[in-house]
Amino acid sequence: MVFDILQLIGGLIMAIGQIPQIIQILKTKSAKDLNLNTYIMMFFGIVLMETYALNLVINGSGEAFLITNSISLIAMAIMLVLILIYGKGHRDKKD
C-alpha cells in the first residue's frame, strides 16, 4: 500500500512536470530550443512502460501506475505536437 502511494505521488509529479513547459511553449509560441529527438525517445519509453502497466493491470495490480503513466503519455504527446508546431521550422509572423 505504501509503495502504491509512493508510485502515485511520484507518477503524478512526473506527469504534471510537463505542464510548465507546455504553458511556456504556448505563451512564447516557441519550442526552438527543445530537442525533438529527446521527446520522441521519451514518448516511446513511456509507450513501453504503458504496455507494462497494462500487463500489470491485466494480472491484477498496477492501476496507479497505469493511471499516472497514461497522464504522462498524454502530456508527452502534447509536448511532441507543440514542438512540431513551434519548433525550429516555426517562423513568427511579425509584420
C-alpha atoms as a PDB file:
ATOM      1  CA  MET A   1       0.000   0.000   0.000  1.00  0.00           C
ATOM      2  CA  VAL A   2       2.793   2.433   0.883  1.00  0.00           C
ATOM      3  CA  PHE A   3       4.560   1.688  -2.395  1.00  0.00           C
ATOM      4  CA  ASP A   4       1.334   2.263  -4.334  1.00  0.00           C
ATOM      5  CA  ILE A   5       1.020   5.687  -2.714  1.00  0.00           C
ATOM      6  CA  LEU A   6       4.669   6.491  -3.444  1.00  0.00           C
ATOM      7  CA  GLN A   7       4.203   5.439  -7.067  1.00  0.00           C
ATOM      8  CA  LEU A   8       1.050   7.516  -7.357  1.00  0.00           C
ATOM      9  CA  ILE A   9       2.731  10.628  -5.934  1.00  0.00           C
ATOM     10  CA  GLY A  10       5.905  10.143  -7.988  1.00  0.00           C
ATOM     11  CA  GLY A  11       3.946   9.389 -11.131  1.00  0.00           C
ATOM     12  CA  LEU A  12       1.766  12.457 -10.704  1.00  0.00           C
ATOM     13  CA  ILE A  13       4.827  14.660 -10.178  1.00  0.00           C
ATOM     14  CA  MET A  14       6.367  13.299 -13.381  1.00  0.00           C
ATOM     15  CA  ALA A  15       3.104  13.623 -15.281  1.00  0.00           C
ATOM     16  CA  ILE A  16       2.343  17.192 -14.257  1.00  0.00           C
ATOM     17  CA  GLY A  17       6.015  18.128 -14.526  1.00  0.00           C
ATOM     18  CA  GLN A  18       5.492  18.738 -18.243  1.00  0.00           C
ATOM     19  CA  ILE A  19       2.770  21.335 -17.675  1.00  0.00           C
ATOM     20  CA  PRO A  20       5.113  24.307 -17.032  1.00  0.00           C
ATOM     21  CA  GLN A  21       6.965  23.559 -20.288  1.00  0.00           C
ATOM     22  CA  ILE A  22       3.694  23.220 -22.201  1.00  0.00           C
ATOM     23  CA  ILE A  23       2.494  26.557 -20.807  1.00  0.00           C
ATOM     24  CA  GLN A  24       5.837  28.199 -21.693  1.00  0.00           C
ATOM     25  CA  ILE A  25       5.617  26.992 -25.295  1.00  0.00           C
ATOM     26  CA  LEU A  26       2.038  28.197 -25.614  1.00  0.00           C
ATOM     27  CA  LYS A  27       2.933  31.607 -24.155  1.00  0.00           C
ATOM     28  CA  THR A  28       6.053  32.200 -26.244  1.00  0.00           C
ATOM     29  CA  LYS A  29       4.882  30.285 -29.330  1.00  0.00           C
ATOM     30  CA  SER A  30       8.406  28.867 -29.474  1.00  0.00           C
ATOM     31  CA  ALA A  31       9.969  25.452 -28.939  1.00  0.00           C
ATOM     32  CA  LYS A  32      13.119  26.224 -30.908  1.00  0.00           C
ATOM     33  CA  ASP A  33      15.483  25.241 -28.090  1.00  0.00           C
ATOM     34  CA  LEU A  34      13.869  21.876 -27.398  1.00  0.00           C
ATOM     35  CA  ASN A  35      15.323  18.761 -28.975  1.00  0.00           C
ATOM     36  CA  LEU A  36      12.633  16.797 -30.835  1.00  0.00           C
ATOM     37  CA  ASN A  37      14.659  13.565 -30.707  1.00  0.00           C
ATOM     38  CA  THR A  38      14.776  13.695 -26.904  1.00  0.00           C
ATOM     39  CA  TYR A  39      10.998  13.981 -26.656  1.00  0.00           C
ATOM     40  CA  ILE A  40      10.462  11.252 -29.272  1.00  0.00           C
ATOM     41  CA  MET A  41      12.628   8.864 -27.240  1.00  0.00           C
ATOM     42  CA  MET A  42      10.837   9.817 -24.020  1.00  0.00           C
ATOM     43  CA  PHE A  43       7.456   9.287 -25.716  1.00  0.00           C
ATOM     44  CA  PHE A  44       8.373   5.789 -26.897  1.00  0.00           C
ATOM     45  CA  GLY A  45       9.823   4.958 -23.475  1.00  0.00           C
ATOM     46  CA  ILE A  46       6.507   5.908 -21.909  1.00  0.00           C
ATOM     47  CA  VAL A  47       4.667   3.827 -24.536  1.00  0.00           C
ATOM     48  CA  LEU A  48       6.742   0.799 -23.485  1.00  0.00           C
ATOM     49  CA  MET A  49       6.017   1.488 -19.807  1.00  0.00           C
ATOM     50  CA  GLU A  50       2.324   1.839 -20.707  1.00  0.00           C
ATOM     51  CA  THR A  51       2.432  -1.655 -22.211  1.00  0.00           C
ATOM     52  CA  TYR A  52       3.988  -2.939 -18.990  1.00  0.00           C
ATOM     53  CA  ALA A  53       1.371  -1.102 -16.897  1.00  0.00           C
ATOM     54  CA  LEU A  54      -1.430  -2.669 -18.956  1.00  0.00           C
ATOM     55  CA  ASN A  55       0.107  -6.091 -18.349  1.00  0.00           C
ATOM     56  CA  LEU A  56       0.189  -5.407 -14.607  1.00  0.00           C
ATOM     57  CA  VAL A  57      -3.475  -4.382 -14.588  1.00  0.00           C
ATOM     58  CA  ILE A  58      -4.477  -7.457 -16.590  1.00  0.00           C
ATOM     59  CA  ASN A  59      -2.695  -9.576 -13.977  1.00  0.00           C
ATOM     60  CA  GLY A  60      -4.423  -7.864 -11.061  1.00  0.00           C
ATOM     61  CA  SER A  61      -2.235  -4.935  -9.961  1.00  0.00           C
ATOM     62  CA  GLY A  62      -0.673  -1.690 -11.151  1.00  0.00           C
ATOM     63  CA  GLU A  63      -3.733   0.521 -11.505  1.00  0.00           C
ATOM     64  CA  ALA A  64      -1.926   3.546 -10.037  1.00  0.00           C
ATOM     65  CA  PHE A  65       0.988   3.007 -12.422  1.00  0.00           C
ATOM     66  CA  LEU A  66      -1.364   2.792 -15.394  1.00  0.00           C
ATOM     67  CA  ILE A  67      -3.180   5.984 -14.410  1.00  0.00           C
ATOM     68  CA  THR A  68      -0.070   8.101 -13.858  1.00  0.00           C
ATOM     69  CA  ASN A  69       1.709   6.644 -16.873  1.00  0.00           C
ATOM     70  CA  SER A  70      -1.313   7.402 -19.074  1.00  0.00           C
ATOM     71  CA  ILE A  71      -1.264  11.011 -17.886  1.00  0.00           C
ATOM     72  CA  SER A  72       2.468  11.177 -18.679  1.00  0.00           C
ATOM     73  CA  LEU A  73       1.828   9.733 -22.134  1.00  0.00           C
ATOM     74  CA  ILE A  74      -0.812  12.371 -22.873  1.00  0.00           C
ATOM     75  CA  ALA A  75       1.455  15.175 -21.634  1.00  0.00           C
ATOM     76  CA  MET A  76       4.361  13.885 -23.725  1.00  0.00           C
ATOM     77  CA  ALA A  77       2.131  13.625 -26.807  1.00  0.00           C
ATOM     78  CA  ILE A  78       1.098  17.253 -26.290  1.00  0.00           C
ATOM     79  CA  MET A  79       4.777  18.224 -25.983  1.00  0.00           C
ATOM     80  CA  LEU A  80       5.605  16.463 -29.254  1.00  0.00           C
ATOM     81  CA  VAL A  81       2.781  18.215 -31.078  1.00  0.00           C
ATOM     82  CA  LEU A  82       3.860  21.599 -29.703  1.00  0.00           C
ATOM     83  CA  ILE A  83       7.493  21.002 -30.659  1.00  0.00           C
ATOM     84  CA  LEU A  84       6.402  20.081 -34.173  1.00  0.00           C
ATOM     85  CA  ILE A  85       4.233  23.202 -34.400  1.00  0.00           C
ATOM     86  CA  TYR A  86       6.549  25.711 -32.701  1.00  0.00           C
ATOM     87  CA  GLY A  87       9.955  24.091 -33.212  1.00  0.00           C
ATOM     88  CA  LYS A  88      12.918  25.102 -35.327  1.00  0.00           C
ATOM     89  CA  GLY A  89      10.906  25.379 -38.536  1.00  0.00           C
ATOM     90  CA  HIS A  90       8.361  27.750 -36.998  1.00  0.00           C
ATOM     91  CA  ARG A  91       8.574  31.358 -38.089  1.00  0.00           C
ATOM     92  CA  ASP A  92       6.965  34.136 -36.145  1.00  0.00           C
ATOM     93  CA  LYS A  93       4.673  36.328 -38.217  1.00  0.00           C
ATOM     94  CA  LYS A  94       5.817  39.824 -37.307  1.00  0.00           C
ATOM     95  CA  ASP A  95       4.995  42.392 -39.922  1.00  0.00           C
END
